[in-house]
Amino acid sequence: ILPGRSLQDEASLVKFAGQTVKTNYHPSGSLR
């Protein structure tokens, strides 16, 4: 379903990653 077999070239996958990247809920380090 995602990314979908039609998305194979790097440019398409880079765009897909930017559209779907999400947190894994582990923010850290702001007062190191």
Full PDB file with SEQRES, HELIX, SHEET, SSBOND, CRYST1, ORIGX, SCALE, CONECT and MASTER records, all heavy atoms in Angstrom:
SEQRES   1 A   32  ILE LEU PRO GLY ARG SER LEU GLN ASP GLU ALA SER LEU          
SEQRES   2 A   32  VAL LYS PHE ALA GLY GLN THR VAL LYS THR ASN TYR HIS          
SEQRES   3 A   32  PRO SER GLY SER LEU ARG                                      
HELIX    1 AA1 GLU A   10  THR A   20  1                                  11    
CRYST1    1.000    1.000    1.000  90.00  90.00  90.00 P 1           1          
ORIGX1      1.000000  0.000000  0.000000        0.00000                         
ORIGX2      0.000000  1.000000  0.000000        0.00000                         
ORIGX3      0.000000  0.000000  1.000000        0.00000                         
SCALE1      1.000000  0.000000  0.000000        0.00000                         
SCALE2      0.000000  1.000000  0.000000        0.00000                         
SCALE3      0.000000  0.000000  1.000000        0.00000                         
ATOM      1  N   ILE A   1       0.832  -1.207   0.000  1.00  0.00           N  
ATOM      2  CA  ILE A   1       0.000   0.000   0.000  1.00  0.00           C  
ATOM      3  C   ILE A   1       0.863   1.252   0.000  1.00  0.00           C  
ATOM      4  O   ILE A   1       0.645   2.180  -0.774  1.00  0.00           O  
ATOM      5  CB  ILE A   1      -0.947  -0.008   1.217  1.00  0.00           C  
ATOM      6  CG1 ILE A   1      -1.871  -1.235   1.173  1.00  0.00           C  
ATOM      7  CG2 ILE A   1      -1.759   1.275   1.277  1.00  0.00           C  
ATOM      8  CD1 ILE A   1      -2.722  -1.393   2.423  1.00  0.00           C  
ATOM      9  N   LEU A   2       1.834   1.278   0.874  1.00  0.00           N  
ATOM     10  CA  LEU A   2       2.773   2.395   0.967  1.00  0.00           C  
ATOM     11  C   LEU A   2       4.191   1.864   1.120  1.00  0.00           C  
ATOM     12  O   LEU A   2       4.401   0.902   1.868  1.00  0.00           O  
ATOM     13  CB  LEU A   2       2.438   3.293   2.179  1.00  0.00           C  
ATOM     14  CG  LEU A   2       1.175   4.148   2.099  1.00  0.00           C  
ATOM     15  CD1 LEU A   2       0.961   4.883   3.428  1.00  0.00           C  
ATOM     16  CD2 LEU A   2       1.253   5.148   0.955  1.00  0.00           C  
ATOM     17  N   PRO A   3       5.138   2.453   0.442  1.00  0.00           N  
ATOM     18  CA  PRO A   3       5.038   3.561  -0.510  1.00  0.00           C  
ATOM     19  C   PRO A   3       4.242   3.221  -1.773  1.00  0.00           C  
ATOM     20  O   PRO A   3       3.820   4.129  -2.487  1.00  0.00           O  
ATOM     21  CB  PRO A   3       6.506   3.837  -0.876  1.00  0.00           C  
ATOM     22  CG  PRO A   3       7.326   3.201   0.171  1.00  0.00           C  
ATOM     23  CD  PRO A   3       6.539   2.013   0.626  1.00  0.00           C  
ATOM     24  N   GLY A   4       4.075   1.919  -2.055  1.00  0.00           N  
ATOM     25  CA  GLY A   4       3.449   1.501  -3.301  1.00  0.00           C  
ATOM     26  C   GLY A   4       4.514   1.096  -4.300  1.00  0.00           C  
ATOM     27  O   GLY A   4       5.557   1.745  -4.409  1.00  0.00           O  
ATOM     28  N   ARG A   5       4.278   0.025  -5.020  1.00  0.00           N  
ATOM     29  CA  ARG A   5       5.312  -0.504  -5.919  1.00  0.00           C  
ATOM     30  C   ARG A   5       5.711   0.482  -7.015  1.00  0.00           C  
ATOM     31  O   ARG A   5       6.795   0.380  -7.597  1.00  0.00           O  
ATOM     32  CB  ARG A   5       4.839  -1.802  -6.568  1.00  0.00           C  
ATOM     33  CG  ARG A   5       4.555  -2.937  -5.594  1.00  0.00           C  
ATOM     34  CD  ARG A   5       5.686  -3.198  -4.627  1.00  0.00           C  
ATOM     35  NE  ARG A   5       6.935  -3.540  -5.304  1.00  0.00           N  
ATOM     36  CZ  ARG A   5       8.077  -3.766  -4.689  1.00  0.00           C  
ATOM     37  NH1 ARG A   5       8.146  -3.633  -3.357  1.00  0.00           N  
ATOM     38  NH2 ARG A   5       9.163  -4.087  -5.358  1.00  0.00           N  
ATOM     39  N   SER A   6       4.860   1.439  -7.306  1.00  0.00           N  
ATOM     40  CA  SER A   6       5.198   2.415  -8.353  1.00  0.00           C  
ATOM     41  C   SER A   6       6.297   3.370  -7.923  1.00  0.00           C  
ATOM     42  O   SER A   6       6.945   4.004  -8.767  1.00  0.00           O  
ATOM     43  CB  SER A   6       3.955   3.207  -8.761  1.00  0.00           C  
ATOM     44  OG  SER A   6       3.455   3.969  -7.665  1.00  0.00           O  
ATOM     45  N   LEU A   7       6.512   3.515  -6.615  1.00  0.00           N  
ATOM     46  CA  LEU A   7       7.562   4.406  -6.107  1.00  0.00           C  
ATOM     47  C   LEU A   7       8.851   3.611  -5.935  1.00  0.00           C  
ATOM     48  O   LEU A   7       9.004   2.850  -4.969  1.00  0.00           O  
ATOM     49  CB  LEU A   7       7.154   5.034  -4.776  1.00  0.00           C  
ATOM     50  CG  LEU A   7       5.930   5.955  -4.768  1.00  0.00           C  
ATOM     51  CD1 LEU A   7       5.795   6.638  -3.419  1.00  0.00           C  
ATOM     52  CD2 LEU A   7       6.021   6.996  -5.877  1.00  0.00           C  
ATOM     53  N   GLN A   8       9.768   3.770  -6.852  1.00  0.00           N  
ATOM     54  CA  GLN A   8      11.029   3.028  -6.805  1.00  0.00           C  
ATOM     55  C   GLN A   8      12.249   3.949  -6.862  1.00  0.00           C  
ATOM     56  O   GLN A   8      13.282   3.641  -6.275  1.00  0.00           O  
ATOM     57  CB  GLN A   8      11.087   2.034  -7.972  1.00  0.00           C  
ATOM     58  CG  GLN A   8      10.040   0.936  -7.911  1.00  0.00           C  
ATOM     59  CD  GLN A   8      10.267  -0.034  -6.764  1.00  0.00           C  
ATOM     60  OE1 GLN A   8      11.393  -0.194  -6.278  1.00  0.00           O  
ATOM     61  NE2 GLN A   8       9.198  -0.687  -6.311  1.00  0.00           N  
ATOM     62  N   ASP A   9      12.157   5.072  -7.570  1.00  0.00           N  
ATOM     63  CA  ASP A   9      13.318   5.947  -7.709  1.00  0.00           C  
ATOM     64  C   ASP A   9      13.551   6.727  -6.415  1.00  0.00           C  
ATOM     65  O   ASP A   9      12.641   6.945  -5.613  1.00  0.00           O  
ATOM     66  CB  ASP A   9      13.139   6.904  -8.877  1.00  0.00           C  
ATOM     67  CG  ASP A   9      11.959   7.846  -8.676  1.00  0.00           C  
ATOM     68  OD1 ASP A   9      10.799   7.393  -8.848  1.00  0.00           O  
ATOM     69  OD2 ASP A   9      12.183   9.014  -8.312  1.00  0.00           O  
ATOM     70  N   GLU A  10      14.777   7.139  -6.222  1.00  0.00           N  
ATOM     71  CA  GLU A  10      15.168   7.782  -4.966  1.00  0.00           C  
ATOM     72  C   GLU A  10      14.403   9.072  -4.715  1.00  0.00           C  
ATOM     73  O   GLU A  10      13.987   9.344  -3.580  1.00  0.00           O  
ATOM     74  CB  GLU A  10      16.670   8.053  -4.948  1.00  0.00           C  
ATOM     75  CG  GLU A  10      17.131   8.669  -3.622  1.00  0.00           C  
ATOM     76  CD  GLU A  10      18.638   8.743  -3.507  1.00  0.00           C  
ATOM     77  OE1 GLU A  10      19.328   8.038  -4.250  1.00  0.00           O  
ATOM     78  OE2 GLU A  10      19.114   9.508  -2.649  1.00  0.00           O  
ATOM     79  N   ALA A  11      14.179   9.871  -5.735  1.00  0.00           N  
ATOM     80  CA  ALA A  11      13.475  11.142  -5.547  1.00  0.00           C  
ATOM     81  C   ALA A  11      12.069  10.915  -5.018  1.00  0.00           C  
ATOM     82  O   ALA A  11      11.597  11.638  -4.122  1.00  0.00           O  
ATOM     83  CB  ALA A  11      13.429  11.914  -6.861  1.00  0.00           C  
ATOM     84  N   SER A  12      11.385   9.903  -5.536  1.00  0.00           N  
ATOM     85  CA  SER A  12      10.028   9.607  -5.083  1.00  0.00           C  
ATOM     86  C   SER A  12      10.025   9.118  -3.640  1.00  0.00           C  
ATOM     87  O   SER A  12       9.155   9.483  -2.847  1.00  0.00           O  
ATOM     88  CB  SER A  12       9.387   8.549  -5.987  1.00  0.00           C  
ATOM     89  OG  SER A  12       9.253   9.027  -7.306  1.00  0.00           O  
ATOM     90  N   LEU A  13      11.025   8.303  -3.294  1.00  0.00           N  
ATOM     91  CA  LEU A  13      11.090   7.772  -1.932  1.00  0.00           C  
ATOM     92  C   LEU A  13      11.484   8.852  -0.930  1.00  0.00           C  
ATOM     93  O   LEU A  13      11.032   8.848   0.214  1.00  0.00           O  
ATOM     94  CB  LEU A  13      12.056   6.597  -1.875  1.00  0.00           C  
ATOM     95  CG  LEU A  13      11.588   5.344  -2.618  1.00  0.00           C  
ATOM     96  CD1 LEU A  13      12.672   4.267  -2.606  1.00  0.00           C  
ATOM     97  CD2 LEU A  13      10.298   4.795  -1.997  1.00  0.00           C  
ATOM     98  N   VAL A  14      12.336   9.790  -1.353  1.00  0.00           N  
ATOM     99  CA  VAL A  14      12.679  10.926  -0.487  1.00  0.00           C  
ATOM    100  C   VAL A  14      11.429  11.739  -0.184  1.00  0.00           C  
ATOM    101  O   VAL A  14      11.173  12.122   0.972  1.00  0.00           O  
ATOM    102  CB  VAL A  14      13.763  11.806  -1.149  1.00  0.00           C  
ATOM    103  CG1 VAL A  14      13.885  13.143  -0.401  1.00  0.00           C  
ATOM    104  CG2 VAL A  14      15.102  11.091  -1.153  1.00  0.00           C  
ATOM    105  N   LYS A  15      10.635  12.002  -1.198  1.00  0.00           N  
ATOM    106  CA  LYS A  15       9.385  12.751  -0.998  1.00  0.00           C  
ATOM    107  C   LYS A  15       8.438  11.976  -0.086  1.00  0.00           C  
ATOM    108  O   LYS A  15       7.819  12.549   0.820  1.00  0.00           O  
ATOM    109  CB  LYS A  15       8.718  13.018  -2.344  1.00  0.00           C  
ATOM    110  CG  LYS A  15       7.442  13.849  -2.238  1.00  0.00           C  
ATOM    111  CD  LYS A  15       6.853  14.134  -3.614  1.00  0.00           C  
ATOM    112  CE  LYS A  15       5.564  14.959  -3.499  1.00  0.00           C  
ATOM    113  NZ  LYS A  15       4.967  15.235  -4.835  1.00  0.00           N  
ATOM    114  N   PHE A  16       8.329  10.659  -0.300  1.00  0.00           N  
ATOM    115  CA  PHE A  16       7.476   9.828   0.537  1.00  0.00           C  
ATOM    116  C   PHE A  16       7.926   9.877   1.997  1.00  0.00           C  
ATOM    117  O   PHE A  16       7.102  10.010   2.916  1.00  0.00           O  
ATOM    118  CB  PHE A  16       7.503   8.381   0.029  1.00  0.00           C  
ATOM    119  CG  PHE A  16       6.898   7.386   0.973  1.00  0.00           C  
ATOM    120  CD1 PHE A  16       5.522   7.274   1.099  1.00  0.00           C  
ATOM    121  CD2 PHE A  16       7.705   6.561   1.748  1.00  0.00           C  
ATOM    122  CE1 PHE A  16       4.956   6.360   1.980  1.00  0.00           C  
ATOM    123  CE2 PHE A  16       7.154   5.646   2.630  1.00  0.00           C  
ATOM    124  CZ  PHE A  16       5.778   5.541   2.745  1.00  0.00           C  
ATOM    125  N   ALA A  17       9.233   9.779   2.229  1.00  0.00           N  
ATOM    126  CA  ALA A  17       9.754   9.826   3.599  1.00  0.00           C  
ATOM    127  C   ALA A  17       9.407  11.150   4.265  1.00  0.00           C  
ATOM    128  O   ALA A  17       9.019  11.188   5.441  1.00  0.00           O  
ATOM    129  CB  ALA A  17      11.258   9.600   3.598  1.00  0.00           C  
ATOM    130  N   GLY A  18       9.529  12.239   3.531  1.00  0.00           N  
ATOM    131  CA  GLY A  18       9.190  13.546   4.082  1.00  0.00           C  
ATOM    132  C   GLY A  18       7.722  13.681   4.408  1.00  0.00           C  
ATOM    133  O   GLY A  18       7.337  14.363   5.359  1.00  0.00           O  
ATOM    134  N   GLN A  19       6.873  13.016   3.624  1.00  0.00           N  
ATOM    135  CA  GLN A  19       5.433  13.094   3.841  1.00  0.00           C  
ATOM    136  C   GLN A  19       4.954  12.224   4.994  1.00  0.00           C  
ATOM    137  O   GLN A  19       3.892  12.488   5.561  1.00  0.00           O  
ATOM    138  CB  GLN A  19       4.704  12.661   2.558  1.00  0.00           C  
ATOM    139  CG  GLN A  19       4.841  13.626   1.396  1.00  0.00           C  
ATOM    140  CD  GLN A  19       4.295  13.047   0.105  1.00  0.00           C  
ATOM    141  OE1 GLN A  19       4.218  11.823  -0.074  1.00  0.00           O  
ATOM    142  NE2 GLN A  19       3.904  13.920  -0.819  1.00  0.00           N  
ATOM    143  N   THR A  20       5.716  11.186   5.338  1.00  0.00           N  
ATOM    144  CA  THR A  20       5.217  10.197   6.306  1.00  0.00           C  
ATOM    145  C   THR A  20       6.037  10.066   7.581  1.00  0.00           C  
ATOM    146  O   THR A  20       5.596   9.403   8.516  1.00  0.00           O  
ATOM    147  CB  THR A  20       5.140   8.807   5.649  1.00  0.00           C  
ATOM    148  OG1 THR A  20       6.439   8.435   5.173  1.00  0.00           O  
ATOM    149  CG2 THR A  20       4.149   8.811   4.492  1.00  0.00           C  
ATOM    150  N   VAL A  21       7.221  10.662   7.647  1.00  0.00           N  
ATOM    151  CA  VAL A  21       8.047  10.499   8.855  1.00  0.00           C  
ATOM    152  C   VAL A  21       7.292  11.006  10.079  1.00  0.00           C  
ATOM    153  O   VAL A  21       6.618  12.032  10.038  1.00  0.00           O  
ATOM    154  CB  VAL A  21       9.402  11.211   8.697  1.00  0.00           C  
ATOM    155  CG1 VAL A  21       9.236  12.726   8.598  1.00  0.00           C  
ATOM    156  CG2 VAL A  21      10.335  10.858   9.844  1.00  0.00           C  
ATOM    157  N   LYS A  22       7.383  10.240  11.153  1.00  0.00           N  
ATOM    158  CA  LYS A  22       6.711  10.612  12.398  1.00  0.00           C  
ATOM    159  C   LYS A  22       7.608  10.293  13.580  1.00  0.00           C  
ATOM    160  O   LYS A  22       8.574   9.537  13.469  1.00  0.00           O  
ATOM    161  CB  LYS A  22       5.384   9.866  12.558  1.00  0.00           C  
ATOM    162  CG  LYS A  22       5.537   8.358  12.644  1.00  0.00           C  
ATOM    163  CD  LYS A  22       4.193   7.656  12.814  1.00  0.00           C  
ATOM    164  CE  LYS A  22       3.621   7.808  14.198  1.00  0.00           C  
ATOM    165  NZ  LYS A  22       4.433   7.117  15.242  1.00  0.00           N  
ATOM    166  N   THR A  23       7.274  10.857  14.714  1.00  0.00           N  
ATOM    167  CA  THR A  23       8.034  10.610  15.928  1.00  0.00           C  
ATOM    168  C   THR A  23       7.845   9.187  16.421  1.00  0.00           C  
ATOM    169  O   THR A  23       6.818   8.560  16.192  1.00  0.00           O  
ATOM    170  CB  THR A  23       7.603  11.593  17.039  1.00  0.00           C  
ATOM    171  OG1 THR A  23       8.367  11.318  18.231  1.00  0.00           O  
ATOM    172  CG2 THR A  23       6.132  11.441  17.371  1.00  0.00           C  
ATOM    173  N   ASN A  24       8.855   8.698  17.127  1.00  0.00           N  
ATOM    174  CA  ASN A  24       8.726   7.455  17.884  1.00  0.00           C  
ATOM    175  C   ASN A  24       8.549   7.769  19.372  1.00  0.00           C  
ATOM    176  O   ASN A  24       8.713   6.899  20.221  1.00  0.00           O  
ATOM    177  CB  ASN A  24       9.936   6.557  17.658  1.00  0.00           C  
ATOM    178  CG  ASN A  24       9.692   5.099  17.987  1.00  0.00           C  
ATOM    179  OD1 ASN A  24      10.489   4.474  18.676  1.00  0.00           O  
ATOM    180  ND2 ASN A  24       8.585   4.534  17.532  1.00  0.00           N  
ATOM    181  N   TYR A  25       8.273   9.038  19.671  1.00  0.00           N  
ATOM    182  CA  TYR A  25       7.874   9.492  21.010  1.00  0.00           C  
ATOM    183  C   TYR A  25       9.018   9.460  22.032  1.00  0.00           C  
ATOM    184  O   TYR A  25       8.787   9.185  23.203  1.00  0.00           O  
ATOM    185  CB  TYR A  25       6.695   8.655  21.539  1.00  0.00           C  
ATOM    186  CG  TYR A  25       5.597   8.450  20.541  1.00  0.00           C  
ATOM    187  CD1 TYR A  25       5.450   7.245  19.873  1.00  0.00           C  
ATOM    188  CD2 TYR A  25       4.703   9.477  20.228  1.00  0.00           C  
ATOM    189  CE1 TYR A  25       4.439   7.055  18.935  1.00  0.00           C  
ATOM    190  CE2 TYR A  25       3.686   9.291  19.299  1.00  0.00           C  
ATOM    191  CZ  TYR A  25       3.567   8.080  18.654  1.00  0.00           C  
ATOM    192  OH  TYR A  25       2.577   7.893  17.725  1.00  0.00           O  
ATOM    193  N   HIS A  26      10.236   9.824  21.593  1.00  0.00           N  
ATOM    194  CA  HIS A  26      11.375   9.753  22.509  1.00  0.00           C  
ATOM    195  C   HIS A  26      12.204  11.037  22.528  1.00  0.00           C  
ATOM    196  O   HIS A  26      13.437  10.969  22.447  1.00  0.00           O  
ATOM    197  CB  HIS A  26      12.285   8.574  22.133  1.00  0.00           C  
ATOM    198  CG  HIS A  26      11.609   7.257  22.108  1.00  0.00           C  
ATOM    199  ND1 HIS A  26      11.979   6.228  21.259  1.00  0.00           N  
ATOM    200  CD2 HIS A  26      10.564   6.784  22.835  1.00  0.00           C  
ATOM    201  CE1 HIS A  26      11.205   5.184  21.463  1.00  0.00           C  
ATOM    202  NE2 HIS A  26      10.332   5.493  22.412  1.00  0.00           N  
ATOM    203  N   PRO A  27      11.611  12.236  22.632  1.00  0.00           N  
ATOM    204  CA  PRO A  27      12.428  13.453  22.650  1.00  0.00           C  
ATOM    205  C   PRO A  27      13.399  13.454  23.829  1.00  0.00           C  
ATOM    206  O   PRO A  27      13.048  13.050  24.940  1.00  0.00           O  
ATOM    207  CB  PRO A  27      11.399  14.581  22.760  1.00  0.00           C  
ATOM    208  CG  PRO A  27      10.143  13.940  23.253  1.00  0.00           C  
ATOM    209  CD  PRO A  27      10.170  12.535  22.752  1.00  0.00           C  
ATOM    210  N   SER A  28      14.623  13.893  23.567  1.00  0.00           N  
ATOM    211  CA  SER A  28      15.702  13.859  24.565  1.00  0.00           C  
ATOM    212  C   SER A  28      16.696  14.978  24.286  1.00  0.00           C  
ATOM    213  O   SER A  28      16.751  15.515  23.182  1.00  0.00           O  
ATOM    214  CB  SER A  28      16.449  12.506  24.488  1.00  0.00           C  
ATOM    215  OG  SER A  28      15.594  11.405  24.571  1.00  0.00           O  
ATOM    216  N   GLY A  29      17.486  15.306  25.304  1.00  0.00           N  
ATOM    217  CA  GLY A  29      18.711  16.046  25.089  1.00  0.00           C  
ATOM    218  C   GLY A  29      18.686  17.550  25.152  1.00  0.00           C  
ATOM    219  O   GLY A  29      19.704  18.188  24.900  1.00  0.00           O  
ATOM    220  N   SER A  30      17.560  18.185  25.506  1.00  0.00           N  
ATOM    221  CA  SER A  30      17.465  19.645  25.420  1.00  0.00           C  
ATOM    222  C   SER A  30      18.220  20.384  26.520  1.00  0.00           C  
ATOM    223  O   SER A  30      18.375  21.604  26.452  1.00  0.00           O  
ATOM    224  CB  SER A  30      15.999  20.081  25.450  1.00  0.00           C  
ATOM    225  OG  SER A  30      15.395  19.698  26.674  1.00  0.00           O  
ATOM    226  N   LEU A  31      18.698  19.657  27.537  1.00  0.00           N  
ATOM    227  CA  LEU A  31      19.492  20.267  28.620  1.00  0.00           C  
ATOM    228  C   LEU A  31      20.712  19.375  28.861  1.00  0.00           C  
ATOM    229  O   LEU A  31      20.906  18.823  29.929  1.00  0.00           O  
ATOM    230  CB  LEU A  31      18.663  20.396  29.902  1.00  0.00           C  
ATOM    231  CG  LEU A  31      17.376  21.225  29.806  1.00  0.00           C  
ATOM    232  CD1 LEU A  31      16.541  21.086  31.077  1.00  0.00           C  
ATOM    233  CD2 LEU A  31      17.692  22.691  29.543  1.00  0.00           C  
ATOM    234  N   ARG A  32      21.518  19.238  27.866  1.00  0.00           N  
ATOM    235  CA  ARG A  32      22.481  18.139  27.845  1.00  0.00           C  
ATOM    236  C   ARG A  32      23.555  18.231  28.923  1.00  0.00           C  
ATOM    237  O   ARG A  32      23.996  19.309  29.322  1.00  0.00           O  
ATOM    238  CB  ARG A  32      23.120  18.010  26.479  1.00  0.00           C  
ATOM    239  CG  ARG A  32      24.345  18.838  26.215  1.00  0.00           C  
ATOM    240  CD  ARG A  32      24.942  18.457  24.863  1.00  0.00           C  
ATOM    241  NE  ARG A  32      26.105  19.264  24.556  1.00  0.00           N  
ATOM    242  CZ  ARG A  32      26.510  19.519  23.324  1.00  0.00           C  
ATOM    243  NH1 ARG A  32      25.819  19.067  22.310  1.00  0.00           N  
ATOM    244  NH2 ARG A  32      27.589  20.233  23.110  1.00  0.00           N  
TER     245      ARG A  32                                                      
MASTER        0    0    0    1    0    0    0    6  244    1    0    3          
END                                                                             
